[in-house]
N, C-alpha and C. Protein backbone atom coordinates (compact mmCIF):
# COMPACT_ATOMS: atom_id res chain seq x y z
N UNK A 1 6.98 13.31 19.49
CA UNK A 1 5.90 13.16 18.53
C UNK A 1 6.35 13.66 17.16
N UNK A 2 5.63 13.17 16.14
CA UNK A 2 5.88 13.58 14.77
C UNK A 2 4.57 14.03 14.13
N UNK A 3 4.66 15.00 13.26
CA UNK A 3 3.53 15.41 12.44
C UNK A 3 3.82 14.91 11.03
N UNK A 4 2.95 14.06 10.52
CA UNK A 4 3.11 13.52 9.18
C UNK A 4 2.09 14.19 8.28
N UNK A 5 2.59 14.81 7.23
CA UNK A 5 1.74 15.47 6.23
C UNK A 5 1.96 14.73 4.92
N UNK A 6 0.91 14.09 4.43
CA UNK A 6 1.00 13.34 3.18
C UNK A 6 0.08 13.98 2.15
N UNK A 7 0.65 14.44 1.06
CA UNK A 7 -0.14 14.98 -0.04
C UNK A 7 -0.32 13.83 -1.02
N UNK A 8 -1.57 13.38 -1.15
CA UNK A 8 -1.86 12.11 -1.80
C UNK A 8 -2.76 12.34 -3.02
N UNK A 9 -2.49 11.61 -4.10
CA UNK A 9 -3.33 11.63 -5.29
C UNK A 9 -4.77 11.32 -4.87
N UNK A 10 -5.70 12.14 -5.31
CA UNK A 10 -7.11 12.01 -4.92
C UNK A 10 -7.68 10.62 -5.22
N UNK A 11 -7.20 9.97 -6.26
CA UNK A 11 -7.74 8.67 -6.65
C UNK A 11 -7.46 7.58 -5.62
N UNK A 12 -6.41 7.74 -4.82
CA UNK A 12 -6.09 6.70 -3.83
C UNK A 12 -6.29 7.16 -2.39
N UNK A 13 -6.66 8.42 -2.20
CA UNK A 13 -6.73 8.99 -0.86
C UNK A 13 -7.71 8.26 0.06
N UNK A 14 -8.88 7.94 -0.45
CA UNK A 14 -9.89 7.28 0.38
C UNK A 14 -9.41 5.90 0.84
N UNK A 15 -8.85 5.13 -0.09
CA UNK A 15 -8.35 3.80 0.25
C UNK A 15 -7.19 3.86 1.22
N UNK A 16 -6.30 4.83 1.04
CA UNK A 16 -5.17 4.99 1.95
C UNK A 16 -5.66 5.38 3.34
N UNK A 17 -6.63 6.27 3.41
CA UNK A 17 -7.20 6.66 4.70
C UNK A 17 -7.78 5.44 5.41
N UNK A 18 -8.51 4.61 4.67
CA UNK A 18 -9.08 3.39 5.24
C UNK A 18 -7.98 2.47 5.77
N UNK A 19 -6.90 2.35 5.01
CA UNK A 19 -5.78 1.49 5.42
C UNK A 19 -5.13 2.01 6.70
N UNK A 20 -4.95 3.31 6.81
CA UNK A 20 -4.38 3.88 8.02
C UNK A 20 -5.31 3.67 9.22
N UNK A 21 -6.61 3.83 8.99
CA UNK A 21 -7.59 3.62 10.07
C UNK A 21 -7.60 2.18 10.56
N UNK A 22 -7.40 1.23 9.65
CA UNK A 22 -7.33 -0.20 10.03
C UNK A 22 -6.22 -0.44 11.05
N UNK A 23 -5.16 0.36 10.95
CA UNK A 23 -4.03 0.21 11.85
C UNK A 23 -4.13 1.15 13.06
N UNK A 24 -5.27 1.78 13.24
CA UNK A 24 -5.50 2.64 14.39
C UNK A 24 -4.85 4.00 14.31
N UNK A 25 -4.48 4.42 13.11
CA UNK A 25 -3.86 5.74 12.93
C UNK A 25 -4.95 6.78 12.72
N UNK A 26 -5.02 7.75 13.61
CA UNK A 26 -6.00 8.83 13.48
C UNK A 26 -5.43 9.92 12.59
N UNK A 27 -6.31 10.54 11.81
CA UNK A 27 -5.84 11.55 10.86
C UNK A 27 -6.96 12.51 10.50
N UNK A 28 -6.57 13.55 9.81
CA UNK A 28 -7.51 14.51 9.22
C UNK A 28 -7.17 14.61 7.74
N UNK A 29 -8.19 14.62 6.90
CA UNK A 29 -7.98 14.75 5.47
C UNK A 29 -8.56 16.05 4.96
N UNK A 30 -7.80 16.74 4.13
CA UNK A 30 -8.23 18.02 3.55
C UNK A 30 -8.10 17.95 2.04
N UNK A 31 -9.12 18.38 1.34
CA UNK A 31 -9.01 18.48 -0.11
C UNK A 31 -8.04 19.62 -0.41
N UNK A 32 -7.10 19.35 -1.31
CA UNK A 32 -6.08 20.36 -1.59
C UNK A 32 -5.75 20.36 -3.08
N UNK A 33 -5.06 21.39 -3.49
CA UNK A 33 -4.60 21.46 -4.87
C UNK A 33 -3.24 22.12 -4.88
N UNK A 34 -2.51 21.89 -5.93
CA UNK A 34 -1.18 22.48 -6.02
C UNK A 34 -0.38 21.79 -7.10
N UNK A 35 0.90 22.01 -7.12
CA UNK A 35 1.74 21.48 -8.19
C UNK A 35 2.51 20.22 -7.79
N UNK A 36 2.43 19.79 -6.54
CA UNK A 36 3.19 18.61 -6.12
C UNK A 36 2.88 17.40 -7.00
N UNK A 37 1.61 17.04 -7.09
CA UNK A 37 1.23 15.84 -7.83
C UNK A 37 0.60 16.16 -9.17
N UNK A 38 0.41 17.44 -9.45
CA UNK A 38 -0.12 17.92 -10.74
C UNK A 38 -1.50 17.36 -11.06
N UNK A 39 -2.24 16.95 -10.05
CA UNK A 39 -3.61 16.45 -10.21
C UNK A 39 -4.35 16.80 -8.93
N UNK A 40 -5.63 16.48 -8.89
CA UNK A 40 -6.37 16.66 -7.66
C UNK A 40 -5.74 15.82 -6.56
N UNK A 41 -5.68 16.37 -5.36
CA UNK A 41 -5.08 15.61 -4.27
C UNK A 41 -5.77 15.90 -2.95
N UNK A 42 -5.38 15.13 -1.97
CA UNK A 42 -5.88 15.31 -0.62
C UNK A 42 -4.67 15.33 0.31
N UNK A 43 -4.71 16.21 1.29
CA UNK A 43 -3.65 16.28 2.28
C UNK A 43 -4.12 15.55 3.53
N UNK A 44 -3.36 14.52 3.91
CA UNK A 44 -3.66 13.74 5.11
C UNK A 44 -2.67 14.18 6.18
N UNK A 45 -3.19 14.58 7.33
CA UNK A 45 -2.37 15.07 8.43
C UNK A 45 -2.59 14.16 9.63
N UNK A 46 -1.48 13.73 10.24
CA UNK A 46 -1.57 12.85 11.40
C UNK A 46 -0.46 13.16 12.38
N UNK A 47 -0.81 13.32 13.64
CA UNK A 47 0.17 13.46 14.71
C UNK A 47 0.31 12.11 15.39
N UNK A 48 1.52 11.57 15.40
CA UNK A 48 1.74 10.23 15.97
C UNK A 48 2.95 10.26 16.90
N UNK A 49 3.00 9.26 17.77
CA UNK A 49 4.18 9.09 18.61
C UNK A 49 5.36 8.70 17.73
N UNK A 50 6.56 8.98 18.19
CA UNK A 50 7.76 8.71 17.39
C UNK A 50 7.81 7.27 16.89
N UNK A 51 7.47 6.32 17.75
CA UNK A 51 7.55 4.90 17.36
C UNK A 51 6.48 4.50 16.34
N UNK A 52 5.41 5.28 16.19
CA UNK A 52 4.38 4.99 15.20
C UNK A 52 4.69 5.59 13.83
N UNK A 53 5.60 6.55 13.77
CA UNK A 53 5.88 7.25 12.52
C UNK A 53 6.34 6.29 11.43
N UNK A 54 7.21 5.36 11.76
CA UNK A 54 7.70 4.42 10.74
C UNK A 54 6.58 3.53 10.22
N UNK A 55 5.64 3.15 11.10
CA UNK A 55 4.49 2.35 10.66
C UNK A 55 3.66 3.14 9.65
N UNK A 56 3.39 4.39 9.94
CA UNK A 56 2.60 5.23 9.03
C UNK A 56 3.31 5.36 7.68
N UNK A 57 4.60 5.62 7.71
CA UNK A 57 5.36 5.75 6.46
C UNK A 57 5.36 4.44 5.67
N UNK A 58 5.47 3.31 6.37
CA UNK A 58 5.46 2.01 5.70
C UNK A 58 4.10 1.75 5.05
N UNK A 59 3.01 2.08 5.74
CA UNK A 59 1.67 1.89 5.19
C UNK A 59 1.50 2.73 3.93
N UNK A 60 1.92 3.99 3.98
CA UNK A 60 1.80 4.87 2.82
C UNK A 60 2.63 4.32 1.65
N UNK A 61 3.85 3.92 1.93
CA UNK A 61 4.73 3.41 0.88
C UNK A 61 4.15 2.15 0.24
N UNK A 62 3.74 1.19 1.05
CA UNK A 62 3.21 -0.06 0.51
C UNK A 62 1.92 0.17 -0.27
N UNK A 63 1.04 1.02 0.24
CA UNK A 63 -0.24 1.27 -0.43
C UNK A 63 -0.02 1.94 -1.79
N UNK A 64 0.85 2.94 -1.83
CA UNK A 64 1.08 3.64 -3.10
C UNK A 64 1.78 2.73 -4.11
N UNK A 65 2.70 1.88 -3.66
CA UNK A 65 3.37 0.95 -4.58
C UNK A 65 2.37 -0.05 -5.15
N UNK A 66 1.47 -0.54 -4.29
CA UNK A 66 0.44 -1.49 -4.75
C UNK A 66 -0.45 -0.83 -5.80
N UNK A 67 -0.83 0.41 -5.59
CA UNK A 67 -1.69 1.11 -6.53
C UNK A 67 -0.97 1.39 -7.84
N UNK A 68 0.32 1.71 -7.79
CA UNK A 68 1.09 1.91 -9.02
C UNK A 68 1.12 0.63 -9.84
N UNK A 69 1.36 -0.50 -9.19
CA UNK A 69 1.40 -1.78 -9.90
C UNK A 69 0.05 -2.09 -10.54
N UNK A 70 -1.03 -1.81 -9.81
CA UNK A 70 -2.37 -2.04 -10.37
C UNK A 70 -2.59 -1.18 -11.61
N UNK A 71 -2.16 0.08 -11.55
CA UNK A 71 -2.34 0.98 -12.69
C UNK A 71 -1.52 0.51 -13.89
N UNK A 72 -0.30 0.03 -13.63
CA UNK A 72 0.56 -0.46 -14.72
C UNK A 72 -0.08 -1.67 -15.39
N UNK A 73 -0.65 -2.57 -14.60
CA UNK A 73 -1.27 -3.78 -15.16
C UNK A 73 -2.48 -3.44 -16.03
N UNK A 74 -3.20 -2.38 -15.69
CA UNK A 74 -4.39 -2.03 -16.44
C UNK A 74 -4.12 -1.04 -17.57
N UNK A 75 -2.94 -0.45 -17.60
CA UNK A 75 -2.64 0.58 -18.59
C UNK A 75 -1.23 0.40 -19.13
N UNK A 76 -0.99 -0.70 -19.85
CA UNK A 76 0.34 -1.02 -20.36
C UNK A 76 0.92 0.06 -21.27
N UNK A 77 0.07 0.71 -22.06
CA UNK A 77 0.55 1.74 -22.99
C UNK A 77 1.22 2.89 -22.27
N UNK A 78 0.71 3.22 -21.10
CA UNK A 78 1.17 4.40 -20.39
C UNK A 78 2.01 4.04 -19.16
N UNK A 79 2.59 2.83 -19.14
CA UNK A 79 3.30 2.33 -17.96
C UNK A 79 4.46 3.23 -17.54
N UNK A 80 5.21 3.78 -18.50
CA UNK A 80 6.36 4.62 -18.17
C UNK A 80 5.93 5.87 -17.41
N UNK A 81 4.87 6.50 -17.87
CA UNK A 81 4.35 7.70 -17.19
C UNK A 81 3.84 7.35 -15.80
N UNK A 82 3.16 6.21 -15.68
CA UNK A 82 2.59 5.81 -14.40
C UNK A 82 3.69 5.57 -13.37
N UNK A 83 4.78 4.94 -13.79
CA UNK A 83 5.89 4.68 -12.87
C UNK A 83 6.48 6.00 -12.38
N UNK A 84 6.60 6.96 -13.27
CA UNK A 84 7.18 8.25 -12.90
C UNK A 84 6.21 9.12 -12.10
N UNK A 85 4.93 8.85 -12.25
CA UNK A 85 3.90 9.66 -11.59
C UNK A 85 3.92 9.43 -10.09
N UNK A 86 3.96 10.48 -9.34
CA UNK A 86 3.93 10.35 -7.89
C UNK A 86 2.51 10.19 -7.38
N UNK A 87 2.33 9.31 -6.42
CA UNK A 87 1.02 9.15 -5.80
C UNK A 87 0.97 9.79 -4.41
N UNK A 88 2.14 10.06 -3.83
CA UNK A 88 2.17 10.70 -2.51
C UNK A 88 3.49 11.43 -2.31
N UNK A 89 3.40 12.58 -1.68
CA UNK A 89 4.57 13.31 -1.21
C UNK A 89 4.37 13.46 0.29
N UNK A 90 5.37 13.03 1.07
CA UNK A 90 5.20 12.95 2.53
C UNK A 90 6.26 13.79 3.23
N UNK A 91 5.81 14.54 4.22
CA UNK A 91 6.70 15.33 5.07
C UNK A 91 6.56 14.84 6.50
N UNK A 92 7.67 14.72 7.21
CA UNK A 92 7.65 14.31 8.62
C UNK A 92 8.33 15.43 9.40
N UNK A 93 7.58 15.99 10.36
CA UNK A 93 8.10 17.11 11.15
C UNK A 93 8.06 16.76 12.63
N UNK A 94 9.03 17.24 13.39
CA UNK A 94 8.98 17.03 14.84
C UNK A 94 7.92 17.95 15.46
N UNK A 95 7.26 17.44 16.48
CA UNK A 95 6.27 18.25 17.21
C UNK A 95 6.88 18.59 18.57
N UNK A 96 6.99 19.86 18.83
CA UNK A 96 7.53 20.31 20.11
C UNK A 96 6.49 20.15 21.21
N UNK A 97 5.24 20.42 20.87
CA UNK A 97 4.18 20.37 21.88
C UNK A 97 2.85 20.14 21.18
N UNK A 98 2.01 19.27 21.76
CA UNK A 98 0.67 19.04 21.22
C UNK A 98 -0.34 19.32 22.33
N UNK A 99 -1.29 20.18 22.05
CA UNK A 99 -2.28 20.58 23.05
C UNK A 99 -3.68 20.32 22.52
N UNK A 100 -4.59 19.94 23.40
CA UNK A 100 -5.99 19.80 23.06
C UNK A 100 -6.78 20.63 24.05
N UNK A 101 -7.71 21.43 23.55
CA UNK A 101 -8.53 22.27 24.43
C UNK A 101 -9.98 21.91 24.27
């Protein structure tokens, strides 16, 4: 199993959560703050089987890239900053044991 922790820009967190749910990925979302994205963010936590981890990472990558492109199209003046701006920081950790009580 893998534990995926995605720190996501608050503006896209709800849509990304919906996208993950469409693919049957269960998760927990926590409002968080910090210096990773330098804006309001949400931490999405999901424990998945090893073979599902790549699907989750692909969904996050595609969703954030789509949102960056949308922002660039609507904000040409600030396109350089938007490209450099991170929308998600993702950590993938191995799970030794998962228990439910």
